């Protein structure tokens, strides 16, 4: 009677490519938060209208949403099997 060899594969839940994509997504999210930062006034009694710039109100949130969607894709992407 031949013995069946059971191969146990232990390791990470995701593949190497998934982790690379997650790092790219994290970098995109960080860029979005950096674009959103700033716009404070030096004097608290003076209003600074720069807080309502296109970069902070429109561009940065769109980049953040893209980054979070990219993270979801990176997690859900099926890793390639090298068997």
C-alpha atoms as a PDB file:
ATOM      1  CA  UNK A   1       0.000   0.000   0.000  1.00  0.00           C
ATOM      2  CA  UNK A   2       1.441   3.344  -1.028  1.00  0.00           C
ATOM      3  CA  UNK A   3       1.426   6.154   1.457  1.00  0.00           C
ATOM      4  CA  UNK A   4      -0.151   9.385   0.388  1.00  0.00           C
ATOM      5  CA  UNK A   5       2.064  12.339   0.902  1.00  0.00           C
ATOM      6  CA  UNK A   6       0.248  15.249   2.399  1.00  0.00           C
ATOM      7  CA  UNK A   7       1.901  18.500   1.642  1.00  0.00           C
ATOM      8  CA  UNK A   8       1.191  21.208   4.160  1.00  0.00           C
ATOM      9  CA  UNK A   9       1.841  24.679   2.953  1.00  0.00           C
ATOM     10  CA  UNK A  10       2.214  27.240   5.635  1.00  0.00           C
ATOM     11  CA  UNK A  11       2.907  30.841   4.989  1.00  0.00           C
ATOM     12  CA  UNK A  12       1.254  34.123   4.381  1.00  0.00           C
ATOM     13  CA  UNK A  13      -2.390  34.426   3.479  1.00  0.00           C
ATOM     14  CA  UNK A  14      -1.606  36.600   0.470  1.00  0.00           C
ATOM     15  CA  UNK A  15       1.026  36.392  -2.207  1.00  0.00           C
ATOM     16  CA  UNK A  16       4.069  38.569  -2.730  1.00  0.00           C
ATOM     17  CA  UNK A  17       2.332  40.564  -5.453  1.00  0.00           C
ATOM     18  CA  UNK A  18      -0.587  41.328  -3.126  1.00  0.00           C
ATOM     19  CA  UNK A  19       1.736  42.829  -0.541  1.00  0.00           C
ATOM     20  CA  UNK A  20       3.449  44.954  -3.181  1.00  0.00           C
ATOM     21  CA  UNK A  21       0.073  46.247  -4.373  1.00  0.00           C
ATOM     22  CA  UNK A  22      -0.956  46.968  -0.781  1.00  0.00           C
ATOM     23  CA  UNK A  23       2.226  49.010  -0.268  1.00  0.00           C
ATOM     24  CA  UNK A  24       1.444  51.009  -3.417  1.00  0.00           C
ATOM     25  CA  UNK A  25      -2.110  51.600  -2.188  1.00  0.00           C
ATOM     26  CA  UNK A  26      -0.820  52.734   1.196  1.00  0.00           C
ATOM     27  CA  UNK A  27       1.520  55.204  -0.527  1.00  0.00           C
ATOM     28  CA  UNK A  28      -1.411  56.580  -2.553  1.00  0.00           C
ATOM     29  CA  UNK A  29      -3.421  57.075   0.640  1.00  0.00           C
ATOM     30  CA  UNK A  30      -0.507  58.864   2.329  1.00  0.00           C
ATOM     31  CA  UNK A  31      -0.200  61.190  -0.688  1.00  0.00           C
ATOM     32  CA  UNK A  32      -3.915  61.960  -0.417  1.00  0.00           C
ATOM     33  CA  UNK A  33      -3.605  62.912   3.248  1.00  0.00           C
ATOM     34  CA  UNK A  34      -0.540  65.040   2.540  1.00  0.00           C
ATOM     35  CA  UNK A  35      -2.459  66.902  -0.170  1.00  0.00           C
ATOM     36  CA  UNK A  36      -5.295  67.501   2.276  1.00  0.00           C
ATOM     37  CA  UNK A  37      -3.060  68.947   4.995  1.00  0.00           C
ATOM     38  CA  UNK A  38      -2.307  72.617   5.583  1.00  0.00           C
ATOM     39  CA  UNK A  39      -4.265  75.802   5.120  1.00  0.00           C
ATOM     40  CA  UNK A  40      -4.177  77.007   8.684  1.00  0.00           C
ATOM     41  CA  UNK A  41      -4.036  80.681   9.512  1.00  0.00           C
ATOM     42  CA  UNK A  42      -1.169  82.186  11.494  1.00  0.00           C
ATOM     43  CA  UNK A  43      -3.578  84.463  13.324  1.00  0.00           C
ATOM     44  CA  UNK A  44      -6.700  82.761  14.766  1.00  0.00           C
ATOM     45  CA  UNK A  45      -8.706  85.955  14.272  1.00  0.00           C
ATOM     46  CA  UNK A  46      -8.047  86.054  10.517  1.00  0.00           C
ATOM     47  CA  UNK A  47      -9.910  83.722   8.140  1.00  0.00           C
ATOM     48  CA  UNK A  48      -7.743  81.971   5.550  1.00  0.00           C
ATOM     49  CA  UNK A  49      -9.774  81.055   2.432  1.00  0.00           C
ATOM     50  CA  UNK A  50      -6.988  78.727   1.280  1.00  0.00           C
ATOM     51  CA  UNK A  51      -8.615  75.878   3.228  1.00  0.00           C
ATOM     52  CA  UNK A  52     -11.262  75.704   0.494  1.00  0.00           C
ATOM     53  CA  UNK A  53      -8.810  75.200  -2.381  1.00  0.00           C
ATOM     54  CA  UNK A  54      -9.432  72.684  -5.160  1.00  0.00           C
ATOM     55  CA  UNK A  55      -6.557  70.558  -3.905  1.00  0.00           C
ATOM     56  CA  UNK A  56      -8.005  70.123  -0.400  1.00  0.00           C
ATOM     57  CA  UNK A  57     -11.708  69.887  -1.252  1.00  0.00           C
ATOM     58  CA  UNK A  58     -11.709  67.881  -4.482  1.00  0.00           C
ATOM     59  CA  UNK A  59      -8.358  66.390  -5.485  1.00  0.00           C
ATOM     60  CA  UNK A  60      -7.231  64.927  -2.146  1.00  0.00           C
ATOM     61  CA  UNK A  61     -10.516  63.107  -1.360  1.00  0.00           C
ATOM     62  CA  UNK A  62     -10.588  61.635  -4.876  1.00  0.00           C
ATOM     63  CA  UNK A  63      -7.023  60.358  -4.451  1.00  0.00           C
ATOM     64  CA  UNK A  64      -7.944  58.918  -1.052  1.00  0.00           C
ATOM     65  CA  UNK A  65     -10.961  57.088  -2.472  1.00  0.00           C
ATOM     66  CA  UNK A  66      -8.827  55.704  -5.287  1.00  0.00           C
ATOM     67  CA  UNK A  67      -6.227  54.574  -2.733  1.00  0.00           C
ATOM     68  CA  UNK A  68      -8.813  52.766  -0.604  1.00  0.00           C
ATOM     69  CA  UNK A  69     -10.340  51.120  -3.700  1.00  0.00           C
ATOM     70  CA  UNK A  70      -6.851  50.074  -4.780  1.00  0.00           C
ATOM     71  CA  UNK A  71      -6.291  48.523  -1.329  1.00  0.00           C
ATOM     72  CA  UNK A  72      -9.485  46.498  -1.696  1.00  0.00           C
ATOM     73  CA  UNK A  73      -8.308  45.306  -5.116  1.00  0.00           C
ATOM     74  CA  UNK A  74      -4.882  44.409  -3.690  1.00  0.00           C
ATOM     75  CA  UNK A  75      -6.453  42.304  -0.952  1.00  0.00           C
ATOM     76  CA  UNK A  76      -9.022  40.603  -3.195  1.00  0.00           C
ATOM     77  CA  UNK A  77      -6.641  39.823  -6.076  1.00  0.00           C
ATOM     78  CA  UNK A  78      -6.083  36.107  -6.281  1.00  0.00           C
ATOM     79  CA  UNK A  79      -2.402  35.234  -5.866  1.00  0.00           C
ATOM     80  CA  UNK A  80      -0.740  33.354  -8.690  1.00  0.00           C
ATOM     81  CA  UNK A  81      -0.015  29.693  -8.054  1.00  0.00           C
ATOM     82  CA  UNK A  82       3.493  28.575  -9.060  1.00  0.00           C
ATOM     83  CA  UNK A  83       2.765  24.824  -9.010  1.00  0.00           C
END
